[in-house]
């Protein structure tokens, strides 16, 4: 188990922890499946992702190294702000987390940002810039 953890740390250090894209990300889950041949890592049960700006909770997640994104699913998946001066929260069937911290809320998506409430099938939000858009 220790070798798997060390391998995952090395994999993550070369992929997600890229300094010019994101300074810090922490992923927790009850179980992890490393799919080396597909360049993917699956996180299952009680998944939580924390960065400098956001906290995302989901049932499961998949990190895709080729596309450099994390896809999270749950019933629902939730996102909330960590920064006190930039408050937001939202839910969706699926959230895609990009390494530039942009998030896509997909399916039954809703978001509250400052005094604005948005509900849509698809919401794009950047917690760093505060830019939000919807289809």
N, C-alpha and C. Protein backbone atom coordinates (compact mmCIF):
# COMPACT_ATOMS: atom_id res chain seq x y z
N UNK A 1 0.82 -1.19 0.00
CA UNK A 1 0.00 0.00 0.00
C UNK A 1 0.87 1.26 0.00
N UNK A 2 1.96 1.26 0.72
CA UNK A 2 2.83 2.43 0.78
C UNK A 2 3.42 2.73 -0.60
N UNK A 3 3.77 1.68 -1.36
CA UNK A 3 4.30 1.90 -2.70
C UNK A 3 3.27 2.54 -3.60
N UNK A 4 2.01 2.09 -3.49
CA UNK A 4 0.95 2.68 -4.29
C UNK A 4 0.79 4.15 -3.94
N UNK A 5 0.79 4.48 -2.67
CA UNK A 5 0.66 5.87 -2.23
C UNK A 5 1.81 6.71 -2.76
N UNK A 6 3.03 6.19 -2.68
CA UNK A 6 4.20 6.90 -3.17
C UNK A 6 4.10 7.11 -4.68
N UNK A 7 3.66 6.08 -5.40
CA UNK A 7 3.47 6.19 -6.84
C UNK A 7 2.44 7.25 -7.17
N UNK A 8 1.34 7.29 -6.41
CA UNK A 8 0.31 8.29 -6.65
C UNK A 8 0.84 9.69 -6.38
N UNK A 9 1.64 9.85 -5.35
CA UNK A 9 2.22 11.16 -5.07
C UNK A 9 3.14 11.61 -6.20
N UNK A 10 3.95 10.70 -6.70
CA UNK A 10 4.83 11.04 -7.82
C UNK A 10 4.00 11.40 -9.04
N UNK A 11 2.96 10.61 -9.35
CA UNK A 11 2.07 10.87 -10.47
C UNK A 11 1.42 12.24 -10.32
N UNK A 12 0.90 12.53 -9.12
CA UNK A 12 0.24 13.81 -8.90
C UNK A 12 1.22 14.96 -8.94
N UNK A 13 2.42 14.77 -8.44
CA UNK A 13 3.39 15.85 -8.46
C UNK A 13 3.75 16.23 -9.89
N UNK A 14 3.76 15.29 -10.79
CA UNK A 14 4.10 15.61 -12.17
C UNK A 14 2.90 16.15 -12.94
N UNK A 15 1.69 15.96 -12.43
CA UNK A 15 0.51 16.32 -13.19
C UNK A 15 -0.27 17.49 -12.58
N UNK A 16 -0.90 17.27 -11.47
CA UNK A 16 -1.81 18.26 -10.91
C UNK A 16 -1.07 19.38 -10.20
N UNK A 17 0.03 19.11 -9.57
CA UNK A 17 0.69 20.11 -8.75
C UNK A 17 1.56 21.07 -9.54
N UNK A 18 1.32 21.21 -10.81
CA UNK A 18 2.09 22.13 -11.64
C UNK A 18 2.00 23.54 -11.09
N UNK A 19 3.13 24.13 -10.71
CA UNK A 19 3.18 25.43 -10.06
C UNK A 19 2.56 26.55 -10.86
N UNK A 20 2.75 26.56 -12.18
CA UNK A 20 2.21 27.67 -12.95
C UNK A 20 0.70 27.58 -13.12
N UNK A 21 0.11 26.42 -12.89
CA UNK A 21 -1.33 26.27 -13.07
C UNK A 21 -2.07 26.34 -11.74
N UNK A 22 -1.60 25.60 -10.77
CA UNK A 22 -2.30 25.54 -9.50
C UNK A 22 -1.29 25.31 -8.38
N UNK A 23 -1.43 26.04 -7.30
CA UNK A 23 -0.46 25.94 -6.22
C UNK A 23 -0.72 24.75 -5.30
N UNK A 24 -1.98 24.40 -5.10
CA UNK A 24 -2.28 23.36 -4.12
C UNK A 24 -3.62 22.70 -4.41
N UNK A 25 -3.64 21.38 -4.37
CA UNK A 25 -4.89 20.63 -4.47
C UNK A 25 -4.74 19.37 -3.62
N UNK A 26 -5.78 19.05 -2.88
CA UNK A 26 -5.78 17.88 -2.03
C UNK A 26 -7.02 17.06 -2.36
N UNK A 27 -6.83 15.78 -2.65
CA UNK A 27 -7.94 14.89 -2.97
C UNK A 27 -7.99 13.78 -1.93
N UNK A 28 -9.17 13.59 -1.35
CA UNK A 28 -9.39 12.51 -0.38
C UNK A 28 -10.53 11.63 -0.87
N UNK A 29 -10.42 10.33 -0.61
CA UNK A 29 -11.50 9.41 -0.91
C UNK A 29 -11.29 8.14 -0.10
N UNK A 30 -12.34 7.30 -0.02
CA UNK A 30 -12.23 6.05 0.72
C UNK A 30 -11.38 5.02 -0.01
N UNK A 31 -11.38 5.06 -1.36
CA UNK A 31 -10.55 4.13 -2.13
C UNK A 31 -10.04 4.79 -3.40
N UNK A 32 -8.91 4.29 -3.88
CA UNK A 32 -8.26 4.84 -5.07
C UNK A 32 -7.90 3.69 -6.00
N UNK A 33 -8.13 3.89 -7.30
CA UNK A 33 -7.76 2.91 -8.32
C UNK A 33 -6.88 3.60 -9.35
N UNK A 34 -5.66 3.13 -9.51
CA UNK A 34 -4.70 3.71 -10.43
C UNK A 34 -4.74 2.92 -11.73
N UNK A 35 -5.11 3.56 -12.85
CA UNK A 35 -5.21 2.92 -14.16
C UNK A 35 -4.09 3.44 -15.05
N UNK A 36 -2.91 2.91 -14.85
CA UNK A 36 -1.71 3.42 -15.51
C UNK A 36 -1.83 3.39 -17.03
N UNK A 37 -2.36 2.31 -17.59
CA UNK A 37 -2.45 2.18 -19.05
C UNK A 37 -3.40 3.20 -19.67
N UNK A 38 -4.33 3.74 -18.89
CA UNK A 38 -5.27 4.75 -19.38
C UNK A 38 -4.90 6.16 -18.92
N UNK A 39 -3.83 6.29 -18.14
CA UNK A 39 -3.42 7.58 -17.57
C UNK A 39 -4.55 8.22 -16.76
N UNK A 40 -5.19 7.40 -15.93
CA UNK A 40 -6.31 7.87 -15.12
C UNK A 40 -6.19 7.34 -13.69
N UNK A 41 -6.79 8.08 -12.78
CA UNK A 41 -6.92 7.64 -11.40
C UNK A 41 -8.38 7.80 -11.01
N UNK A 42 -8.97 6.75 -10.47
CA UNK A 42 -10.35 6.80 -9.99
C UNK A 42 -10.35 6.92 -8.48
N UNK A 43 -11.19 7.82 -7.97
CA UNK A 43 -11.38 8.01 -6.55
C UNK A 43 -12.82 7.63 -6.25
N UNK A 44 -13.03 6.75 -5.28
CA UNK A 44 -14.37 6.25 -5.01
C UNK A 44 -14.78 6.45 -3.56
N UNK A 45 -16.03 6.83 -3.39
CA UNK A 45 -16.69 6.97 -2.09
C UNK A 45 -16.11 8.11 -1.27
N UNK A 46 -17.01 9.01 -0.89
CA UNK A 46 -16.68 10.16 -0.03
C UNK A 46 -15.50 10.97 -0.57
N UNK A 47 -15.59 11.37 -1.81
CA UNK A 47 -14.52 12.13 -2.46
C UNK A 47 -14.62 13.60 -2.05
N UNK A 48 -13.48 14.17 -1.69
CA UNK A 48 -13.42 15.59 -1.36
C UNK A 48 -12.17 16.19 -1.99
N UNK A 49 -12.37 17.28 -2.72
CA UNK A 49 -11.26 18.01 -3.34
C UNK A 49 -11.21 19.40 -2.73
N UNK A 50 -10.03 19.77 -2.27
CA UNK A 50 -9.83 21.12 -1.73
C UNK A 50 -8.67 21.76 -2.45
N UNK A 51 -8.87 23.02 -2.80
CA UNK A 51 -7.79 23.83 -3.36
C UNK A 51 -7.74 25.12 -2.55
N UNK A 52 -7.00 26.06 -3.04
CA UNK A 52 -6.91 27.35 -2.36
C UNK A 52 -8.26 28.08 -2.37
N UNK A 53 -9.11 27.80 -3.36
CA UNK A 53 -10.35 28.54 -3.54
C UNK A 53 -11.62 27.75 -3.29
N UNK A 54 -11.59 26.43 -3.52
CA UNK A 54 -12.84 25.66 -3.50
C UNK A 54 -12.75 24.38 -2.70
N UNK A 55 -13.94 23.89 -2.38
CA UNK A 55 -14.12 22.57 -1.79
C UNK A 55 -15.21 21.89 -2.63
N UNK A 56 -14.92 20.69 -3.14
CA UNK A 56 -15.90 19.93 -3.93
C UNK A 56 -16.09 18.58 -3.25
N UNK A 57 -17.35 18.17 -3.07
CA UNK A 57 -17.67 16.87 -2.50
C UNK A 57 -18.46 16.07 -3.53
N UNK A 58 -18.15 14.77 -3.65
CA UNK A 58 -18.80 13.92 -4.64
C UNK A 58 -18.78 12.47 -4.20
N UNK A 59 -19.53 11.65 -4.92
CA UNK A 59 -19.51 10.19 -4.68
C UNK A 59 -18.26 9.55 -5.26
N UNK A 60 -17.88 10.02 -6.48
CA UNK A 60 -16.69 9.47 -7.13
C UNK A 60 -16.07 10.53 -8.03
N UNK A 61 -14.80 10.29 -8.39
CA UNK A 61 -14.09 11.22 -9.26
C UNK A 61 -13.09 10.45 -10.11
N UNK A 62 -12.74 11.05 -11.25
CA UNK A 62 -11.73 10.47 -12.12
C UNK A 62 -10.79 11.57 -12.58
N UNK A 63 -9.50 11.37 -12.33
CA UNK A 63 -8.50 12.30 -12.85
C UNK A 63 -8.01 11.74 -14.18
N UNK A 64 -8.11 12.55 -15.24
CA UNK A 64 -7.67 12.17 -16.58
C UNK A 64 -6.42 12.99 -16.91
N UNK A 65 -5.26 12.34 -16.88
CA UNK A 65 -4.00 13.04 -17.12
C UNK A 65 -3.91 13.57 -18.54
N UNK A 66 -4.45 12.84 -19.52
CA UNK A 66 -4.37 13.27 -20.92
C UNK A 66 -5.10 14.61 -21.13
N UNK A 67 -6.25 14.78 -20.50
CA UNK A 67 -7.02 16.01 -20.63
C UNK A 67 -6.78 16.98 -19.47
N UNK A 68 -6.07 16.53 -18.45
CA UNK A 68 -5.71 17.33 -17.29
C UNK A 68 -6.93 17.92 -16.58
N UNK A 69 -7.96 17.06 -16.36
CA UNK A 69 -9.18 17.46 -15.68
C UNK A 69 -9.58 16.39 -14.67
N UNK A 70 -10.38 16.82 -13.70
CA UNK A 70 -10.97 15.90 -12.74
C UNK A 70 -12.48 15.98 -12.94
N UNK A 71 -13.11 14.84 -13.21
CA UNK A 71 -14.56 14.76 -13.36
C UNK A 71 -15.14 14.13 -12.11
N UNK A 72 -16.11 14.80 -11.50
CA UNK A 72 -16.71 14.34 -10.25
C UNK A 72 -18.20 14.12 -10.46
N UNK A 73 -18.73 13.03 -9.91
CA UNK A 73 -20.16 12.76 -10.00
C UNK A 73 -20.69 12.42 -8.62
N UNK A 74 -21.99 12.67 -8.44
CA UNK A 74 -22.65 12.37 -7.18
C UNK A 74 -24.11 12.74 -7.28
N UNK A 75 -24.82 12.49 -6.25
CA UNK A 75 -26.24 12.82 -6.25
C UNK A 75 -26.56 13.74 -5.11
N UNK A 76 -26.37 15.02 -5.21
CA UNK A 76 -25.59 15.71 -6.24
C UNK A 76 -24.14 15.89 -5.81
N UNK A 77 -23.36 16.46 -6.70
CA UNK A 77 -22.01 16.89 -6.40
C UNK A 77 -22.12 18.34 -5.93
N UNK A 78 -21.36 18.72 -4.89
CA UNK A 78 -21.46 20.07 -4.36
C UNK A 78 -20.12 20.80 -4.45
N UNK A 79 -20.21 22.11 -4.58
CA UNK A 79 -19.03 22.96 -4.61
C UNK A 79 -19.29 24.15 -3.69
N UNK A 80 -18.25 24.56 -2.97
CA UNK A 80 -18.40 25.73 -2.10
C UNK A 80 -17.07 26.47 -2.02
N UNK A 81 -17.18 27.69 -1.56
CA UNK A 81 -16.02 28.57 -1.45
C UNK A 81 -15.25 28.30 -0.17
N UNK A 82 -13.95 28.46 -0.25
CA UNK A 82 -13.10 28.41 0.94
C UNK A 82 -12.77 29.83 1.40
N UNK A 83 -12.73 30.77 0.47
CA UNK A 83 -12.40 32.16 0.77
C UNK A 83 -13.62 32.89 1.37
N UNK A 84 -13.41 33.59 2.47
CA UNK A 84 -14.51 34.30 3.12
C UNK A 84 -14.96 35.53 2.33
N UNK A 85 -14.07 36.13 1.56
CA UNK A 85 -14.41 37.33 0.81
C UNK A 85 -14.94 37.03 -0.60
N UNK A 86 -15.10 35.75 -0.94
CA UNK A 86 -15.57 35.34 -2.26
C UNK A 86 -16.49 34.15 -2.07
N UNK A 87 -17.73 34.40 -1.61
CA UNK A 87 -18.62 33.31 -1.24
C UNK A 87 -19.46 32.83 -2.41
N UNK A 88 -19.53 31.52 -2.55
CA UNK A 88 -20.38 30.88 -3.55
C UNK A 88 -20.63 29.45 -3.11
N UNK A 89 -21.69 28.87 -3.63
CA UNK A 89 -21.96 27.45 -3.44
C UNK A 89 -22.84 26.98 -4.57
N UNK A 90 -22.72 25.69 -4.89
CA UNK A 90 -23.49 25.16 -6.00
C UNK A 90 -23.61 23.66 -5.94
N UNK A 91 -24.50 23.13 -6.79
CA UNK A 91 -24.70 21.69 -6.91
C UNK A 91 -24.90 21.35 -8.38
N UNK A 92 -24.60 20.11 -8.72
CA UNK A 92 -24.83 19.60 -10.08
C UNK A 92 -24.72 18.08 -10.06
N UNK A 93 -25.20 17.45 -11.10
CA UNK A 93 -25.02 16.00 -11.23
C UNK A 93 -23.55 15.65 -11.43
N UNK A 94 -22.85 16.54 -12.15
CA UNK A 94 -21.44 16.30 -12.47
C UNK A 94 -20.70 17.64 -12.44
N UNK A 95 -19.49 17.63 -11.92
CA UNK A 95 -18.63 18.81 -11.93
C UNK A 95 -17.31 18.43 -12.57
N UNK A 96 -16.86 19.24 -13.51
CA UNK A 96 -15.54 19.04 -14.12
C UNK A 96 -14.64 20.15 -13.61
N UNK A 97 -13.54 19.75 -12.98
CA UNK A 97 -12.58 20.68 -12.38
C UNK A 97 -11.34 20.73 -13.27
N UNK A 98 -11.07 21.90 -13.82
CA UNK A 98 -9.89 22.09 -14.66
C UNK A 98 -8.73 22.58 -13.79
N UNK A 99 -7.51 22.32 -14.20
CA UNK A 99 -6.37 22.68 -13.37
C UNK A 99 -6.14 24.18 -13.24
N UNK A 100 -6.83 24.99 -14.05
CA UNK A 100 -6.76 26.44 -13.85
C UNK A 100 -7.84 26.90 -12.87
N UNK A 101 -8.48 25.94 -12.20
CA UNK A 101 -9.54 26.11 -11.21
C UNK A 101 -10.89 26.46 -11.80
N UNK A 102 -11.02 26.55 -13.13
CA UNK A 102 -12.33 26.74 -13.73
C UNK A 102 -13.14 25.46 -13.51
N UNK A 103 -14.42 25.62 -13.19
CA UNK A 103 -15.28 24.46 -12.98
C UNK A 103 -16.49 24.53 -13.90
N UNK A 104 -16.92 23.36 -14.35
CA UNK A 104 -18.13 23.23 -15.16
C UNK A 104 -19.11 22.42 -14.34
N UNK A 105 -20.27 22.99 -14.08
CA UNK A 105 -21.35 22.29 -13.39
C UNK A 105 -22.31 21.80 -14.46
N UNK A 106 -22.56 20.49 -14.51
CA UNK A 106 -23.31 19.89 -15.62
C UNK A 106 -24.49 19.09 -15.07
N UNK A 107 -25.67 19.32 -15.62
CA UNK A 107 -26.87 18.57 -15.24
C UNK A 107 -27.47 19.05 -13.93
N UNK A 108 -28.68 19.55 -13.97
CA UNK A 108 -29.35 20.08 -12.77
C UNK A 108 -28.44 21.03 -11.99
N UNK A 109 -27.76 21.89 -12.70
CA UNK A 109 -26.77 22.78 -12.10
C UNK A 109 -27.44 24.00 -11.48
N UNK A 110 -26.99 24.35 -10.30
CA UNK A 110 -27.44 25.60 -9.67
C UNK A 110 -26.26 26.17 -8.89
N UNK A 111 -26.23 27.50 -8.85
CA UNK A 111 -25.12 28.17 -8.18
C UNK A 111 -25.61 29.46 -7.57
N UNK A 112 -25.15 29.73 -6.36
CA UNK A 112 -25.38 31.00 -5.70
C UNK A 112 -24.03 31.67 -5.57
N UNK A 113 -23.92 32.86 -6.16
CA UNK A 113 -22.67 33.63 -6.12
C UNK A 113 -23.02 35.05 -5.74
N UNK A 114 -22.53 35.47 -4.57
CA UNK A 114 -22.89 36.76 -4.00
C UNK A 114 -24.41 36.85 -3.94
N UNK A 115 -25.06 37.78 -4.62
CA UNK A 115 -26.53 37.90 -4.59
C UNK A 115 -27.20 37.31 -5.81
N UNK A 116 -26.47 36.55 -6.61
CA UNK A 116 -26.96 36.01 -7.86
C UNK A 116 -27.21 34.50 -7.72
N UNK A 117 -28.40 34.05 -8.14
CA UNK A 117 -28.72 32.62 -8.16
C UNK A 117 -28.95 32.21 -9.61
N UNK A 118 -28.26 31.16 -10.04
CA UNK A 118 -28.38 30.66 -11.41
C UNK A 118 -28.74 29.18 -11.38
N UNK A 119 -29.70 28.79 -12.21
CA UNK A 119 -30.03 27.38 -12.42
C UNK A 119 -30.02 27.12 -13.91
N UNK A 120 -29.36 26.04 -14.32
CA UNK A 120 -29.23 25.74 -15.73
C UNK A 120 -28.79 24.29 -15.90
N UNK A 121 -28.75 23.84 -17.14
CA UNK A 121 -28.20 22.51 -17.43
C UNK A 121 -26.67 22.54 -17.36
N UNK A 122 -26.08 23.74 -17.59
CA UNK A 122 -24.62 23.85 -17.70
C UNK A 122 -24.17 25.23 -17.22
N UNK A 123 -23.28 25.27 -16.23
CA UNK A 123 -22.75 26.52 -15.70
C UNK A 123 -21.22 26.43 -15.71
N UNK A 124 -20.58 27.49 -16.18
CA UNK A 124 -19.12 27.59 -16.14
C UNK A 124 -18.79 28.68 -15.12
N UNK A 125 -17.88 28.36 -14.21
CA UNK A 125 -17.54 29.30 -13.15
C UNK A 125 -16.04 29.27 -12.89
N UNK A 126 -15.47 30.45 -12.72
CA UNK A 126 -14.06 30.56 -12.33
C UNK A 126 -14.00 31.25 -10.97
N UNK A 127 -13.68 30.51 -9.91
CA UNK A 127 -13.68 31.09 -8.58
C UNK A 127 -12.57 32.11 -8.35
N UNK A 128 -11.57 32.14 -9.19
CA UNK A 128 -10.47 33.10 -9.04
C UNK A 128 -10.91 34.47 -9.57
N UNK A 129 -11.53 34.48 -10.76
CA UNK A 129 -11.92 35.74 -11.39
C UNK A 129 -13.37 36.13 -11.06
N UNK A 130 -14.18 35.17 -10.63
CA UNK A 130 -15.59 35.41 -10.37
C UNK A 130 -16.45 35.37 -11.62
N UNK A 131 -15.85 35.06 -12.77
CA UNK A 131 -16.60 35.00 -14.02
C UNK A 131 -17.52 33.78 -14.00
N UNK A 132 -18.80 34.02 -14.37
CA UNK A 132 -19.78 32.95 -14.38
C UNK A 132 -20.61 33.08 -15.66
N UNK A 133 -20.90 31.93 -16.30
CA UNK A 133 -21.75 31.94 -17.50
C UNK A 133 -22.58 30.68 -17.52
N UNK A 134 -23.65 30.70 -18.31
CA UNK A 134 -24.59 29.59 -18.34
C UNK A 134 -25.17 29.44 -19.74
N UNK A 135 -25.57 28.22 -20.07
CA UNK A 135 -26.29 27.97 -21.33
C UNK A 135 -27.77 28.05 -21.10
